[in-house]
């Protein structure tokens, strides 16, 4: 059973393409941005922009601490 699973996994791992990505036949790459000096490559197009996955800049409280007074934390109006 383990040998069959290992063989199936190795065949599945070997089926990936090693050629650079190309647009489908009859399709073109997306238009380049107006400020770009050269067309983007496929690796540049596949990169996730920082706005899609922003880094966390605030740290959660690691222990119970009193919060600082926030002058903008007002109760809702009546």
N, C-alpha and C. Protein backbone atom coordinates (compact mmCIF):
# COMPACT_ATOMS: atom_id res chain seq x y z
N UNK A 1 0.83 -1.20 0.00
CA UNK A 1 0.00 0.00 0.00
C UNK A 1 0.87 1.26 0.00
N UNK A 2 1.92 1.25 0.83
CA UNK A 2 2.79 2.41 0.91
C UNK A 2 3.55 2.61 -0.40
N UNK A 3 3.95 1.53 -1.01
CA UNK A 3 4.69 1.63 -2.27
C UNK A 3 3.81 2.21 -3.36
N UNK A 4 2.54 1.77 -3.40
CA UNK A 4 1.60 2.29 -4.40
C UNK A 4 1.34 3.77 -4.17
N UNK A 5 1.20 4.17 -2.91
CA UNK A 5 0.97 5.59 -2.60
C UNK A 5 2.20 6.42 -2.96
N UNK A 6 3.38 5.89 -2.66
CA UNK A 6 4.61 6.60 -2.98
C UNK A 6 4.78 6.73 -4.50
N UNK A 7 4.45 5.67 -5.22
CA UNK A 7 4.52 5.72 -6.69
C UNK A 7 3.54 6.71 -7.28
N UNK A 8 2.30 6.72 -6.76
CA UNK A 8 1.29 7.66 -7.24
C UNK A 8 1.71 9.10 -6.93
N UNK A 9 2.27 9.31 -5.75
CA UNK A 9 2.71 10.66 -5.39
C UNK A 9 3.85 11.13 -6.27
N UNK A 10 4.79 10.26 -6.56
CA UNK A 10 5.93 10.66 -7.39
C UNK A 10 5.48 10.95 -8.83
N UNK A 11 4.50 10.18 -9.33
CA UNK A 11 3.98 10.46 -10.68
C UNK A 11 3.23 11.79 -10.70
N UNK A 12 2.50 12.06 -9.64
CA UNK A 12 1.76 13.31 -9.56
C UNK A 12 2.72 14.50 -9.45
N UNK A 13 3.80 14.34 -8.71
CA UNK A 13 4.78 15.42 -8.56
C UNK A 13 5.54 15.66 -9.86
N UNK A 14 5.67 14.65 -10.69
CA UNK A 14 6.45 14.79 -11.92
C UNK A 14 5.63 15.36 -13.07
N UNK A 15 4.33 15.58 -12.90
CA UNK A 15 3.50 16.02 -14.02
C UNK A 15 3.49 17.54 -14.19
N UNK A 16 4.17 18.28 -13.33
CA UNK A 16 4.20 19.73 -13.44
C UNK A 16 4.99 20.19 -14.65
N UNK A 17 4.58 21.28 -15.24
CA UNK A 17 5.26 21.82 -16.41
C UNK A 17 6.43 22.69 -15.97
N UNK A 18 7.52 22.61 -16.67
CA UNK A 18 8.70 23.40 -16.34
C UNK A 18 8.92 24.52 -17.36
N UNK A 19 8.00 24.70 -18.28
CA UNK A 19 8.14 25.74 -19.28
C UNK A 19 7.54 27.04 -18.76
N UNK A 20 8.03 28.19 -19.25
CA UNK A 20 7.44 29.45 -18.83
C UNK A 20 5.98 29.53 -19.27
N UNK A 21 5.17 30.22 -18.51
CA UNK A 21 3.75 30.37 -18.84
C UNK A 21 3.58 31.23 -20.07
N UNK A 22 2.63 30.88 -20.89
CA UNK A 22 2.29 31.62 -22.09
C UNK A 22 0.77 31.83 -22.08
N UNK A 23 0.29 32.91 -22.70
CA UNK A 23 -1.15 33.08 -22.78
C UNK A 23 -1.77 32.00 -23.67
N UNK A 24 -3.04 31.72 -23.44
CA UNK A 24 -3.74 30.72 -24.23
C UNK A 24 -3.77 31.15 -25.69
N UNK A 25 -3.86 30.20 -26.62
CA UNK A 25 -3.91 30.57 -28.04
C UNK A 25 -5.06 31.52 -28.32
N UNK A 26 -4.78 32.58 -29.05
CA UNK A 26 -5.80 33.58 -29.38
C UNK A 26 -5.97 34.65 -28.31
N UNK A 27 -5.26 34.53 -27.17
CA UNK A 27 -5.36 35.50 -26.08
C UNK A 27 -4.08 36.33 -26.02
N UNK A 28 -4.16 37.49 -25.42
CA UNK A 28 -3.01 38.36 -25.25
C UNK A 28 -2.77 38.57 -23.76
N UNK A 29 -1.57 39.01 -23.43
CA UNK A 29 -1.29 39.39 -22.05
C UNK A 29 -2.08 40.64 -21.71
N UNK A 30 -2.37 40.89 -20.43
CA UNK A 30 -3.08 42.11 -20.06
C UNK A 30 -2.26 43.34 -20.47
N UNK A 31 -2.93 44.46 -20.73
CA UNK A 31 -2.18 45.66 -21.14
C UNK A 31 -1.26 46.13 -20.02
N UNK A 32 -0.13 46.69 -20.41
CA UNK A 32 0.82 47.14 -19.41
C UNK A 32 0.34 48.45 -18.79
N UNK A 33 0.71 48.71 -17.54
CA UNK A 33 0.31 49.97 -16.91
C UNK A 33 0.87 51.17 -17.66
N UNK A 34 0.21 52.30 -17.54
CA UNK A 34 0.59 53.50 -18.29
C UNK A 34 1.98 54.00 -17.91
N UNK A 35 2.40 53.79 -16.67
CA UNK A 35 3.70 54.30 -16.22
C UNK A 35 4.81 53.27 -16.38
N UNK A 36 4.50 52.07 -16.87
CA UNK A 36 5.52 51.03 -17.02
C UNK A 36 6.40 51.32 -18.22
N UNK A 37 7.69 51.02 -18.06
CA UNK A 37 8.61 51.25 -19.17
C UNK A 37 8.73 50.03 -20.08
N UNK A 38 8.39 48.84 -19.56
CA UNK A 38 8.44 47.62 -20.36
C UNK A 38 7.27 46.72 -19.96
N UNK A 39 6.87 45.80 -20.84
CA UNK A 39 5.77 44.89 -20.48
C UNK A 39 6.16 44.00 -19.31
N UNK A 40 5.17 43.63 -18.51
CA UNK A 40 5.43 42.78 -17.36
C UNK A 40 5.62 41.33 -17.79
N UNK A 41 6.48 40.62 -17.07
CA UNK A 41 6.68 39.20 -17.34
C UNK A 41 5.62 38.40 -16.59
N UNK A 42 5.54 37.12 -16.89
CA UNK A 42 4.53 36.29 -16.21
C UNK A 42 4.81 36.18 -14.72
N UNK A 43 6.07 36.15 -14.31
CA UNK A 43 6.35 36.08 -12.87
C UNK A 43 5.94 37.37 -12.17
N UNK A 44 6.09 38.51 -12.83
CA UNK A 44 5.65 39.77 -12.24
C UNK A 44 4.12 39.81 -12.15
N UNK A 45 3.44 39.26 -13.15
CA UNK A 45 1.98 39.25 -13.13
C UNK A 45 1.43 38.32 -12.06
N UNK A 46 2.18 37.27 -11.70
CA UNK A 46 1.71 36.31 -10.72
C UNK A 46 2.03 36.71 -9.28
N UNK A 47 2.84 37.74 -9.08
CA UNK A 47 3.16 38.19 -7.73
C UNK A 47 1.94 38.82 -7.09
N UNK A 48 1.75 38.54 -5.80
CA UNK A 48 0.62 39.10 -5.06
C UNK A 48 1.00 40.51 -4.63
N UNK A 49 0.19 41.51 -4.98
CA UNK A 49 0.53 42.87 -4.55
C UNK A 49 0.38 43.00 -3.03
N UNK A 50 1.14 43.89 -2.42
CA UNK A 50 1.07 44.04 -0.96
C UNK A 50 -0.32 44.39 -0.45
N UNK A 51 -1.12 45.07 -1.26
CA UNK A 51 -2.46 45.44 -0.81
C UNK A 51 -3.37 44.23 -0.68
N UNK A 52 -3.06 43.15 -1.40
CA UNK A 52 -3.88 41.95 -1.33
C UNK A 52 -3.62 41.15 -0.06
N UNK A 53 -2.42 41.25 0.48
CA UNK A 53 -2.07 40.52 1.71
C UNK A 53 -1.21 41.44 2.57
N UNK A 54 -1.84 42.40 3.25
CA UNK A 54 -1.06 43.35 4.04
C UNK A 54 -0.45 42.69 5.27
N UNK A 55 0.66 43.23 5.70
CA UNK A 55 1.29 42.74 6.91
C UNK A 55 0.58 43.32 8.12
N UNK A 56 0.58 42.58 9.18
CA UNK A 56 -0.05 43.05 10.40
C UNK A 56 0.92 43.99 11.11
N UNK A 57 0.45 45.19 11.43
CA UNK A 57 1.34 46.16 12.05
C UNK A 57 1.05 46.34 13.53
N UNK A 58 -0.10 45.88 14.00
CA UNK A 58 -0.39 46.01 15.41
C UNK A 58 -0.23 44.64 16.09
N UNK A 59 0.23 44.65 17.29
CA UNK A 59 0.42 43.40 18.01
C UNK A 59 -0.72 43.21 19.00
N UNK A 60 -1.23 41.99 19.10
CA UNK A 60 -2.28 41.76 20.08
C UNK A 60 -1.72 41.87 21.50
N UNK A 61 -2.60 42.11 22.43
CA UNK A 61 -2.15 42.17 23.81
C UNK A 61 -1.64 40.81 24.25
N UNK A 62 -0.48 40.75 24.83
CA UNK A 62 0.09 39.48 25.25
C UNK A 62 -0.25 39.17 26.70
N UNK A 63 -0.68 40.17 27.43
CA UNK A 63 -1.12 39.97 28.81
C UNK A 63 -2.15 41.04 29.11
N UNK A 64 -2.86 40.86 30.18
CA UNK A 64 -3.89 41.84 30.54
C UNK A 64 -3.23 43.16 30.91
N UNK A 65 -3.56 44.18 30.18
CA UNK A 65 -3.03 45.50 30.44
C UNK A 65 -4.15 46.51 30.36
N UNK A 66 -4.01 47.57 31.13
CA UNK A 66 -4.96 48.66 31.04
C UNK A 66 -4.73 49.39 29.72
N UNK A 67 -5.80 49.66 29.02
CA UNK A 67 -5.66 50.41 27.77
C UNK A 67 -5.47 51.88 28.08
N UNK A 68 -4.74 52.55 27.22
CA UNK A 68 -4.55 53.98 27.37
C UNK A 68 -5.87 54.68 27.08
N UNK A 69 -6.04 55.84 27.66
CA UNK A 69 -7.25 56.62 27.45
C UNK A 69 -7.28 57.09 25.99
N UNK A 70 -8.39 56.80 25.33
CA UNK A 70 -8.55 57.22 23.94
C UNK A 70 -9.59 58.33 23.90
N UNK A 71 -9.17 59.53 23.54
CA UNK A 71 -10.11 60.65 23.57
C UNK A 71 -11.14 60.56 22.45
N UNK A 72 -10.94 59.69 21.46
CA UNK A 72 -11.90 59.54 20.38
C UNK A 72 -12.88 58.39 20.64
N UNK A 73 -12.71 57.66 21.73
CA UNK A 73 -13.60 56.56 22.06
C UNK A 73 -14.81 57.12 22.81
N UNK A 74 -15.75 57.63 22.08
CA UNK A 74 -16.93 58.29 22.67
C UNK A 74 -18.13 57.35 22.60
N UNK A 75 -19.08 57.53 23.54
CA UNK A 75 -20.30 56.71 23.47
C UNK A 75 -21.13 57.13 22.26
N UNK A 76 -21.98 56.24 21.77
CA UNK A 76 -22.82 56.61 20.62
C UNK A 76 -23.80 57.73 20.99
N UNK A 77 -24.13 58.59 20.03
CA UNK A 77 -25.07 59.68 20.33
C UNK A 77 -26.48 59.13 20.59
N UNK A 78 -27.23 59.84 21.41
CA UNK A 78 -28.60 59.40 21.75
C UNK A 78 -29.56 59.66 20.64
